[in-house]
Amino acid sequence: MKKMFFAMTSFALAAPLLLGSPAMAQNAQQDKMKQCNADAAGKKGDERKAFMSSCLKKEQPKPATQQDKMKQCNADAAGKKGDERKAFMSSCLKKDK
């Protein structure tokens, strides 16, 4: 009985962390709204409405995956050999693109 109670209690406490909370999504939307609002400075009326609408609909660019970085760095390293290539690849893969 105690084990079952412990398991249920543990799940109830951990569920919001595992599933993500609505507050996190709301904060992301609020941050997006703040950024769009700042970018819309100086716009008025219909121009502002159109800008805000398009700004809020935009998807945030996804960060490059490690595989994408590797492909790009390999292409950029064409013609390099040995230690020069190793040094280039190391610095290229560490960059945030």
PDB file of N, CA and C in Angstrom:
ATOM      1  N   MET A   1       0.827  -1.196   0.000  1.00  0.00           N
ATOM      2  CA  MET A   1       0.000   0.000   0.000  1.00  0.00           C
ATOM      3  C   MET A   1       0.871   1.260   0.000  1.00  0.00           C
ATOM      4  N   LYS A   2       1.931   1.236   0.820  1.00  0.00           N
ATOM      5  CA  LYS A   2       2.813   2.394   0.892  1.00  0.00           C
ATOM      6  C   LYS A   2       3.534   2.602  -0.438  1.00  0.00           C
ATOM      7  N   LYS A   3       3.910   1.495  -1.094  1.00  0.00           N
ATOM      8  CA  LYS A   3       4.608   1.611  -2.368  1.00  0.00           C
ATOM      9  C   LYS A   3       3.713   2.251  -3.421  1.00  0.00           C
ATOM     10  N   MET A   4       2.451   1.866  -3.427  1.00  0.00           N
ATOM     11  CA  MET A   4       1.522   2.405  -4.410  1.00  0.00           C
ATOM     12  C   MET A   4       1.287   3.896  -4.145  1.00  0.00           C
ATOM     13  N   PHE A   5       1.148   4.261  -2.892  1.00  0.00           N
ATOM     14  CA  PHE A   5       0.961   5.659  -2.528  1.00  0.00           C
ATOM     15  C   PHE A   5       2.179   6.477  -2.947  1.00  0.00           C
ATOM     16  N   PHE A   6       3.376   5.935  -2.678  1.00  0.00           N
ATOM     17  CA  PHE A   6       4.612   6.620  -3.033  1.00  0.00           C
ATOM     18  C   PHE A   6       4.701   6.810  -4.552  1.00  0.00           C
ATOM     19  N   ALA A   7       4.378   5.775  -5.309  1.00  0.00           N
ATOM     20  CA  ALA A   7       4.436   5.845  -6.766  1.00  0.00           C
ATOM     21  C   ALA A   7       3.460   6.888  -7.293  1.00  0.00           C
ATOM     22  N   MET A   8       2.248   6.901  -6.747  1.00  0.00           N
ATOM     23  CA  MET A   8       1.243   7.862  -7.210  1.00  0.00           C
ATOM     24  C   MET A   8       1.649   9.285  -6.848  1.00  0.00           C
ATOM     25  N   THR A   9       2.181   9.463  -5.669  1.00  0.00           N
ATOM     26  CA  THR A   9       2.617  10.788  -5.222  1.00  0.00           C
ATOM     27  C   THR A   9       3.785  11.272  -6.076  1.00  0.00           C
ATOM     28  N   SER A  10       4.725  10.379  -6.336  1.00  0.00           N
ATOM     29  CA  SER A  10       5.888  10.741  -7.150  1.00  0.00           C
ATOM     30  C   SER A  10       5.455  11.158  -8.540  1.00  0.00           C
ATOM     31  N   PHE A  11       4.531  10.410  -9.147  1.00  0.00           N
ATOM     32  CA  PHE A  11       4.056  10.750 -10.482  1.00  0.00           C
ATOM     33  C   PHE A  11       3.333  12.100 -10.472  1.00  0.00           C
ATOM     34  N   ALA A  12       2.516  12.315  -9.460  1.00  0.00           N
ATOM     35  CA  ALA A  12       1.762  13.566  -9.389  1.00  0.00           C
ATOM     36  C   ALA A  12       2.699  14.770  -9.279  1.00  0.00           C
ATOM     37  N   LEU A  13       3.809  14.596  -8.577  1.00  0.00           N
ATOM     38  CA  LEU A  13       4.756  15.696  -8.426  1.00  0.00           C
ATOM     39  C   LEU A  13       5.619  15.884  -9.675  1.00  0.00           C
ATOM     40  N   ALA A  14       5.922  14.787 -10.361  1.00  0.00           N
ATOM     41  CA  ALA A  14       6.819  14.852 -11.512  1.00  0.00           C
ATOM     42  C   ALA A  14       6.088  15.123 -12.824  1.00  0.00           C
ATOM     43  N   ALA A  15       4.807  14.854 -12.908  1.00  0.00           N
ATOM     44  CA  ALA A  15       4.071  14.990 -14.161  1.00  0.00           C
ATOM     45  C   ALA A  15       4.205  16.375 -14.794  1.00  0.00           C
ATOM     46  N   PRO A  16       4.045  17.457 -14.045  1.00  0.00           N
ATOM     47  CA  PRO A  16       4.179  18.776 -14.681  1.00  0.00           C
ATOM     48  C   PRO A  16       5.568  19.012 -15.268  1.00  0.00           C
ATOM     49  N   LEU A  17       6.596  18.457 -14.630  1.00  0.00           N
ATOM     50  CA  LEU A  17       7.943  18.629 -15.150  1.00  0.00           C
ATOM     51  C   LEU A  17       8.159  17.820 -16.414  1.00  0.00           C
ATOM     52  N   LEU A  18       7.605  16.624 -16.448  1.00  0.00           N
ATOM     53  CA  LEU A  18       7.788  15.749 -17.596  1.00  0.00           C
ATOM     54  C   LEU A  18       6.959  16.191 -18.795  1.00  0.00           C
ATOM     55  N   LEU A  19       5.781  16.660 -18.546  1.00  0.00           N
ATOM     56  CA  LEU A  19       4.871  17.002 -19.626  1.00  0.00           C
ATOM     57  C   LEU A  19       5.002  18.450 -20.084  1.00  0.00           C
ATOM     58  N   GLY A  20       5.713  19.249 -19.336  1.00  0.00           N
ATOM     59  CA  GLY A  20       5.829  20.670 -19.675  1.00  0.00           C
ATOM     60  C   GLY A  20       4.593  21.389 -19.169  1.00  0.00           C
ATOM     61  N   SER A  21       4.787  22.551 -18.669  1.00  0.00           N
ATOM     62  CA  SER A  21       3.647  23.250 -18.100  1.00  0.00           C
ATOM     63  C   SER A  21       3.116  24.291 -19.071  1.00  0.00           C
ATOM     64  N   PRO A  22       1.830  24.603 -18.983  1.00  0.00           N
ATOM     65  CA  PRO A  22       1.267  25.645 -19.840  1.00  0.00           C
ATOM     66  C   PRO A  22       1.937  26.991 -19.607  1.00  0.00           C
ATOM     67  N   ALA A  23       2.477  27.192 -18.407  1.00  0.00           N
ATOM     68  CA  ALA A  23       3.139  28.458 -18.112  1.00  0.00           C
ATOM     69  C   ALA A  23       4.367  28.653 -18.992  1.00  0.00           C
ATOM     70  N   MET A  24       5.072  27.568 -19.306  1.00  0.00           N
ATOM     71  CA  MET A  24       6.247  27.676 -20.171  1.00  0.00           C
ATOM     72  C   MET A  24       5.843  28.147 -21.564  1.00  0.00           C
ATOM     73  N   ALA A  25       4.787  27.562 -22.092  1.00  0.00           N
ATOM     74  CA  ALA A  25       4.314  27.951 -23.419  1.00  0.00           C
ATOM     75  C   ALA A  25       3.821  29.392 -23.400  1.00  0.00           C
ATOM     76  N   GLN A  26       3.153  29.760 -22.327  1.00  0.00           N
ATOM     77  CA  GLN A  26       2.647  31.120 -22.217  1.00  0.00           C
ATOM     78  C   GLN A  26       3.806  32.110 -22.159  1.00  0.00           C
ATOM     79  N   ASN A  27       4.871  31.774 -21.436  1.00  0.00           N
ATOM     80  CA  ASN A  27       6.016  32.670 -21.349  1.00  0.00           C
ATOM     81  C   ASN A  27       6.677  32.841 -22.706  1.00  0.00           C
ATOM     82  N   ALA A  28       6.754  31.772 -23.490  1.00  0.00           N
ATOM     83  CA  ALA A  28       7.341  31.865 -24.824  1.00  0.00           C
ATOM     84  C   ALA A  28       6.498  32.788 -25.697  1.00  0.00           C
ATOM     85  N   GLN A  29       5.188  32.652 -25.611  1.00  0.00           N
ATOM     86  CA  GLN A  29       4.301  33.513 -26.395  1.00  0.00           C
ATOM     87  C   GLN A  29       4.417  34.972 -25.933  1.00  0.00           C
ATOM     88  N   GLN A  30       4.539  35.166 -24.637  1.00  0.00           N
ATOM     89  CA  GLN A  30       4.688  36.520 -24.120  1.00  0.00           C
ATOM     90  C   GLN A  30       6.000  37.142 -24.586  1.00  0.00           C
ATOM     91  N   ASP A  31       7.062  36.332 -24.598  1.00  0.00           N
ATOM     92  CA  ASP A  31       8.349  36.831 -25.067  1.00  0.00           C
ATOM     93  C   ASP A  31       8.272  37.217 -26.541  1.00  0.00           C
ATOM     94  N   LYS A  32       7.586  36.396 -27.316  1.00  0.00           N
ATOM     95  CA  LYS A  32       7.418  36.677 -28.745  1.00  0.00           C
ATOM     96  C   LYS A  32       6.632  37.981 -28.935  1.00  0.00           C
ATOM     97  N   MET A  33       5.600  38.154 -28.126  1.00  0.00           N
ATOM     98  CA  MET A  33       4.769  39.360 -28.197  1.00  0.00           C
ATOM     99  C   MET A  33       5.602  40.593 -27.848  1.00  0.00           C
ATOM    100  N   LYS A  34       6.439  40.486 -26.826  1.00  0.00           N
ATOM    101  CA  LYS A  34       7.284  41.613 -26.430  1.00  0.00           C
ATOM    102  C   LYS A  34       8.236  41.986 -27.560  1.00  0.00           C
ATOM    103  N   GLN A  35       8.846  40.976 -28.181  1.00  0.00           N
ATOM    104  CA  GLN A  35       9.798  41.232 -29.247  1.00  0.00           C
ATOM    105  C   GLN A  35       9.113  41.874 -30.455  1.00  0.00           C
ATOM    106  N   CYS A  36       7.965  41.330 -30.843  1.00  0.00           N
ATOM    107  CA  CYS A  36       7.236  41.904 -31.979  1.00  0.00           C
ATOM    108  C   CYS A  36       6.791  43.327 -31.672  1.00  0.00           C
ATOM    109  N   ASN A  37       6.365  43.552 -30.449  1.00  0.00           N
ATOM    110  CA  ASN A  37       5.928  44.875 -30.029  1.00  0.00           C
ATOM    111  C   ASN A  37       7.082  45.871 -30.132  1.00  0.00           C
ATOM    112  N   ALA A  38       8.271  45.456 -29.706  1.00  0.00           N
ATOM    113  CA  ALA A  38       9.436  46.333 -29.787  1.00  0.00           C
ATOM    114  C   ALA A  38       9.806  46.614 -31.245  1.00  0.00           C
ATOM    115  N   ASP A  39       9.705  45.584 -32.088  1.00  0.00           N
ATOM    116  CA  ASP A  39      10.032  45.753 -33.509  1.00  0.00           C
ATOM    117  C   ASP A  39       9.010  46.629 -34.235  1.00  0.00           C
ATOM    118  N   ALA A  40       7.801  46.717 -33.700  1.00  0.00           N
ATOM    119  CA  ALA A  40       6.743  47.486 -34.346  1.00  0.00           C
ATOM    120  C   ALA A  40       6.761  48.963 -33.954  1.00  0.00           C
ATOM    121  N   ALA A  41       7.760  49.373 -33.207  1.00  0.00           N
ATOM    122  CA  ALA A  41       7.837  50.773 -32.769  1.00  0.00           C
ATOM    123  C   ALA A  41       7.806  51.703 -33.975  1.00  0.00           C
ATOM    124  N   GLY A  42       6.969  52.708 -33.911  1.00  0.00           N
ATOM    125  CA  GLY A  42       6.867  53.682 -34.988  1.00  0.00           C
ATOM    126  C   GLY A  42       5.786  53.382 -36.009  1.00  0.00           C
ATOM    127  N   LYS A  43       5.252  52.188 -35.976  1.00  0.00           N
ATOM    128  CA  LYS A  43       4.180  51.831 -36.911  1.00  0.00           C
ATOM    129  C   LYS A  43       2.842  52.134 -36.247  1.00  0.00           C
ATOM    130  N   LYS A  44       1.875  52.525 -37.044  1.00  0.00           N
ATOM    131  CA  LYS A  44       0.559  52.864 -36.493  1.00  0.00           C
ATOM    132  C   LYS A  44      -0.541  52.296 -37.376  1.00  0.00           C
ATOM    133  N   GLY A  45      -1.713  52.107 -36.776  1.00  0.00           N
ATOM    134  CA  GLY A  45      -2.906  51.717 -37.512  1.00  0.00           C
ATOM    135  C   GLY A  45      -2.798  50.376 -38.207  1.00  0.00           C
ATOM    136  N   ASP A  46      -3.266  50.348 -39.459  1.00  0.00           N
ATOM    137  CA  ASP A  46      -3.308  49.107 -40.221  1.00  0.00           C
ATOM    138  C   ASP A  46      -1.913  48.537 -40.478  1.00  0.00           C
ATOM    139  N   GLU A  47      -0.937  49.421 -40.655  1.00  0.00           N
ATOM    140  CA  GLU A  47       0.433  48.964 -40.882  1.00  0.00           C
ATOM    141  C   GLU A  47       0.919  48.160 -39.662  1.00  0.00           C
ATOM    142  N   ARG A  48       0.624  48.687 -38.468  1.00  0.00           N
ATOM    143  CA  ARG A  48       1.035  48.001 -37.233  1.00  0.00           C
ATOM    144  C   ARG A  48       0.307  46.674 -37.083  1.00  0.00           C
ATOM    145  N   LYS A  49      -0.998  46.659 -37.363  1.00  0.00           N
ATOM    146  CA  LYS A  49      -1.774  45.425 -37.252  1.00  0.00           C
ATOM    147  C   LYS A  49      -1.219  44.346 -38.177  1.00  0.00           C
ATOM    148  N   ALA A  50      -0.930  44.730 -39.413  1.00  0.00           N
ATOM    149  CA  ALA A  50      -0.394  43.775 -40.383  1.00  0.00           C
ATOM    150  C   ALA A  50       0.974  43.262 -39.945  1.00  0.00           C
ATOM    151  N   PHE A  51       1.818  44.177 -39.462  1.00  0.00           N
ATOM    152  CA  PHE A  51       3.147  43.776 -39.007  1.00  0.00           C
ATOM    153  C   PHE A  51       3.060  42.820 -37.826  1.00  0.00           C
ATOM    154  N   MET A  52       2.246  43.159 -36.833  1.00  0.00           N
ATOM    155  CA  MET A  52       2.115  42.320 -35.646  1.00  0.00           C
ATOM    156  C   MET A  52       1.575  40.939 -36.016  1.00  0.00           C
ATOM    157  N   SER A  53       0.607  40.906 -36.901  1.00  0.00           N
ATOM    158  CA  SER A  53       0.039  39.630 -37.328  1.00  0.00           C
ATOM    159  C   SER A  53       1.101  38.741 -37.963  1.00  0.00           C
ATOM    160  N   SER A  54       1.862  39.303 -38.888  1.00  0.00           N
ATOM    161  CA  SER A  54       2.880  38.492 -39.558  1.00  0.00           C
ATOM    162  C   SER A  54       4.017  38.126 -38.602  1.00  0.00           C
ATOM    163  N   CYS A  55       4.381  39.037 -37.722  1.00  0.00           N
ATOM    164  CA  CYS A  55       5.459  38.774 -36.773  1.00  0.00           C
ATOM    165  C   CYS A  55       5.092  37.642 -35.815  1.00  0.00           C
ATOM    166  N   LEU A  56       3.870  37.655 -35.316  1.00  0.00           N
ATOM    167  CA  LEU A  56       3.455  36.636 -34.357  1.00  0.00           C
ATOM    168  C   LEU A  56       3.250  35.270 -35.008  1.00  0.00           C
ATOM    169  N   LYS A  57       3.011  35.236 -36.311  1.00  0.00           N
ATOM    170  CA  LYS A  57       2.823  33.972 -37.008  1.00  0.00           C
ATOM    171  C   LYS A  57       4.144  33.311 -37.388  1.00  0.00           C
ATOM    172  N   LYS A  58       5.212  34.076 -37.436  1.00  0.00           N
ATOM    173  CA  LYS A  58       6.501  33.545 -37.861  1.00  0.00           C
ATOM    174  C   LYS A  58       6.968  32.458 -36.907  1.00  0.00           C
ATOM    175  N   GLU A  59       7.526  31.416 -37.500  1.00  0.00           N
ATOM    176  CA  GLU A  59       8.155  30.364 -36.714  1.00  0.00           C
ATOM    177  C   GLU A  59       9.593  30.783 -36.430  1.00  0.00           C
ATOM    178  N   GLN A  60      10.053  30.440 -35.264  1.00  0.00           N
ATOM    179  CA  GLN A  60      11.433  30.717 -34.929  1.00  0.00           C
ATOM    180  C   GLN A  60      12.324  29.745 -35.698  1.00  0.00           C
ATOM    181  N   PRO A  61      13.436  30.199 -36.242  1.00  0.00           N
ATOM    182  CA  PRO A  61      14.313  29.290 -36.975  1.00  0.00           C
ATOM    183  C   PRO A  61      14.865  28.220 -36.035  1.00  0.00           C
ATOM    184  N   LYS A  62      14.894  27.001 -36.543  1.00  0.00           N
ATOM    185  CA  LYS A  62      15.419  25.903 -35.744  1.00  0.00           C
ATOM    186  C   LYS A  62      16.937  25.956 -35.777  1.00  0.00           C
ATOM    187  N   PRO A  63      17.557  25.667 -34.654  1.00  0.00           N
ATOM    188  CA  PRO A  63      19.018  25.666 -34.653  1.00  0.00           C
ATOM    189  C   PRO A  63      19.540  24.538 -35.540  1.00  0.00           C
ATOM    190  N   ALA A  64      20.692  24.750 -36.122  1.00  0.00           N
ATOM    191  CA  ALA A  64      21.288  23.745 -36.991  1.00  0.00           C
ATOM    192  C   ALA A  64      21.607  22.492 -36.184  1.00  0.00           C
ATOM    193  N   THR A  65      21.294  21.349 -36.745  1.00  0.00           N
ATOM    194  CA  THR A  65      21.624  20.094 -36.072  1.00  0.00           C
ATOM    195  C   THR A  65      23.104  19.818 -36.260  1.00  0.00           C
ATOM    196  N   GLN A  66      23.636  18.916 -35.483  1.00  0.00           N
ATOM    197  CA  GLN A  66      25.043  18.557 -35.593  1.00  0.00           C
ATOM    198  C   GLN A  66      25.334  18.001 -36.987  1.00  0.00           C
ATOM    199  N   GLN A  67      24.389  17.250 -37.523  1.00  0.00           N
ATOM    200  CA  GLN A  67      24.558  16.681 -38.856  1.00  0.00           C
ATOM    201  C   GLN A  67      24.624  17.790 -39.915  1.00  0.00           C
ATOM    202  N   ASP A  68      23.774  18.790 -39.782  1.00  0.00           N
ATOM    203  CA  ASP A  68      23.796  19.915 -40.718  1.00  0.00           C
ATOM    204  C   ASP A  68      25.123  20.672 -40.629  1.00  0.00           C
ATOM    205  N   LYS A  69      25.597  20.873 -39.396  1.00  0.00           N
ATOM    206  CA  LYS A  69      26.878  21.552 -39.212  1.00  0.00           C
ATOM    207  C   LYS A  69      27.996  20.767 -39.880  1.00  0.00           C
ATOM    208  N   MET A  70      27.973  19.438 -39.686  1.00  0.00           N
ATOM    209  CA  MET A  70      29.019  18.585 -40.246  1.00  0.00           C
ATOM    210  C   MET A  70      29.048  18.682 -41.768  1.00  0.00           C
ATOM    211  N   LYS A  71      27.858  18.659 -42.394  1.00  0.00           N
ATOM    212  CA  LYS A  71      27.785  18.766 -43.854  1.00  0.00           C
ATOM    213  C   LYS A  71      28.377  20.090 -44.324  1.00  0.00           C
ATOM    214  N   GLN A  72      27.988  21.181 -43.670  1.00  0.00           N
ATOM    215  CA  GLN A  72      28.460  22.505 -44.068  1.00  0.00           C
ATOM    216  C   GLN A  72      29.959  22.635 -43.858  1.00  0.00           C
ATOM    217  N   CYS A  73      30.456  22.169 -42.719  1.00  0.00           N
ATOM    218  CA  CYS A  73      31.884  22.274 -42.435  1.00  0.00           C
ATOM    219  C   CYS A  73      32.698  21.427 -43.402  1.00  0.00           C
ATOM    220  N   ASN A  74      32.196  20.233 -43.741  1.00  0.00           N
ATOM    221  CA  ASN A  74      32.887  19.388 -44.713  1.00  0.00           C
ATOM    222  C   ASN A  74      32.984  20.090 -46.061  1.00  0.00           C
ATOM    223  N   ALA A  75      31.902  20.725 -46.472  1.00  0.00           N
ATOM    224  CA  ALA A  75      31.918  21.443 -47.742  1.00  0.00           C
ATOM    225  C   ALA A  75      32.910  22.606 -47.696  1.00  0.00           C
ATOM    226  N   ASP A  76      32.946  23.304 -46.584  1.00  0.00           N
ATOM    227  CA  ASP A  76      33.847  24.448 -46.443  1.00  0.00           C
ATOM    228  C   ASP A  76      35.315  24.022 -46.334  1.00  0.00           C
ATOM    229  N   ALA A  77      35.557  22.784 -45.902  1.00  0.00           N
ATOM    230  CA  ALA A  77      36.922  22.303 -45.694  1.00  0.00           C
ATOM    231  C   ALA A  77      37.532  21.701 -46.952  1.00  0.00           C
ATOM    232  N   ALA A  78      36.840  21.780 -48.057  1.00  0.00           N
ATOM    233  CA  ALA A  78      37.352  21.208 -49.302  1.00  0.00           C
ATOM    234  C   ALA A  78      38.730  21.797 -49.611  1.00  0.00           C
ATOM    235  N   GLY A  79      39.686  20.916 -49.921  1.00  0.00           N
ATOM    236  CA  GLY A  79      41.028  21.369 -50.264  1.00  0.00           C
ATOM    237  C   GLY A  79      41.977  21.422 -49.083  1.00  0.00           C
ATOM    238  N   LYS A  80      41.470  21.331 -47.879  1.00  0.00           N
ATOM    239  CA  LYS A  80      42.338  21.345 -46.697  1.00  0.00           C
ATOM    240  C   LYS A  80      42.700  19.901 -46.352  1.00  0.00           C
ATOM    241  N   LYS A  81      43.915  19.691 -45.844  1.00  0.00           N
ATOM    242  CA  LYS A  81      44.361  18.339 -45.504  1.00  0.00           C
ATOM    243  C   LYS A  81      45.114  18.350 -44.186  1.00  0.00           C
ATOM    244  N   GLY A  82      45.136  17.189 -43.553  1.00  0.00           N
ATOM    245  CA  GLY A  82      45.952  16.992 -42.352  1.00  0.00           C
ATOM    246  C   GLY A  82      45.540  17.866 -41.186  1.00  0.00           C
ATOM    247  N   ASP A  83      46.562  18.418 -40.525  1.00  0.00           N
ATOM    248  CA  ASP A  83      46.323  19.225 -39.324  1.00  0.00           C
ATOM    249  C   ASP A  83      45.507  20.480 -39.618  1.00  0.00           C
ATOM    250  N   GLU A  84      45.713  21.042 -40.811  1.00  0.00           N
ATOM    251  CA  GLU A  84      44.949  22.235 -41.187  1.00  0.00           C
ATOM    252  C   GLU A  84      43.447  21.910 -41.214  1.00  0.00           C
ATOM    253  N   ARG A  85      43.108  20.745 -41.808  1.00  0.00           N
ATOM    254  CA  ARG A  85      41.698  20.331 -41.877  1.00  0.00           C
ATOM    255  C   ARG A  85      41.144  20.048 -40.483  1.00  0.00           C
ATOM    256  N   LYS A  86      41.915  19.356 -39.650  1.00  0.00           N
ATOM    257  CA  LYS A  86      41.467  19.042 -38.286  1.00  0.00           C
ATOM    258  C   LYS A  86      41.177  20.318 -37.498  1.00  0.00           C
ATOM    259  N   ALA A  87      42.085  21.279 -37.590  1.00  0.00           N
ATOM    260  CA  ALA A  87      41.902  22.541 -36.866  1.00  0.00           C
ATOM    261  C   ALA A  87      40.682  23.289 -37.390  1.00  0.00           C
ATOM    262  N   PHE A  88      40.532  23.309 -38.717  1.00  0.00           N
ATOM    263  CA  PHE A  88      39.383  23.994 -39.301  1.00  0.00           C
ATOM    264  C   PHE A  88      38.077  23.335 -38.870  1.00  0.00           C
ATOM    265  N   MET A  89      38.007  22.009 -38.977  1.00  0.00           N
ATOM    266  CA  MET A  89      36.779  21.283 -38.625  1.00  0.00           C
ATOM    267  C   MET A  89      36.435  21.493 -37.151  1.00  0.00           C
ATOM    268  N   SER A  90      37.434  21.461 -36.299  1.00  0.00           N
ATOM    269  CA  SER A  90      37.187  21.664 -34.871  1.00  0.00           C
ATOM    270  C   SER A  90      36.574  23.036 -34.606  1.00  0.00           C
ATOM    271  N   SER A  91      37.174  24.071 -35.183  1.00  0.00           N
ATOM    272  CA  SER A  91      36.650  25.415 -34.933  1.00  0.00           C
ATOM    273  C   SER A  91      35.295  25.606 -35.622  1.00  0.00           C
ATOM    274  N   CYS A  92      35.117  25.015 -36.795  1.00  0.00           N
ATOM    275  CA  CYS A  92      33.851  25.156 -37.517  1.00  0.00           C
ATOM    276  C   CYS A  92      32.704  24.508 -36.759  1.00  0.00           C
ATOM    277  N   LEU A  93      32.928  23.321 -36.224  1.00  0.00           N
ATOM    278  CA  LEU A  93      31.859  22.604 -35.518  1.00  0.00           C
ATOM    279  C   LEU A  93      31.505  23.234 -34.175  1.00  0.00           C
ATOM    280  N   LYS A  94      32.411  23.999 -33.602  1.00  0.00           N
ATOM    281  CA  LYS A  94      32.145  24.654 -32.317  1.00  0.00           C
ATOM    282  C   LYS A  94      31.337  25.935 -32.475  1.00  0.00           C
ATOM    283  N   LYS A  95      31.324  26.504 -33.689  1.00  0.00           N
ATOM    284  CA  LYS A  95      30.595  27.758 -33.928  1.00  0.00           C
ATOM    285  C   LYS A  95      29.107  27.545 -33.826  1.00  0.00           C
ATOM    286  N   ASP A  96      28.410  28.565 -33.370  1.00  0.00           N
ATOM    287  CA  ASP A  96      26.950  28.575 -33.398  1.00  0.00           C
ATOM    288  C   ASP A  96      26.561  29.261 -34.689  1.00  0.00           C
ATOM    289  N   LYS A  97      25.873  28.520 -35.551  1.00  0.00           N
ATOM    290  CA  LYS A  97      25.487  29.084 -36.850  1.00  0.00           C
ATOM    291  C   LYS A  97      24.042  29.480 -36.827  1.00  0.00           C
TER     292      LYS A  97
END
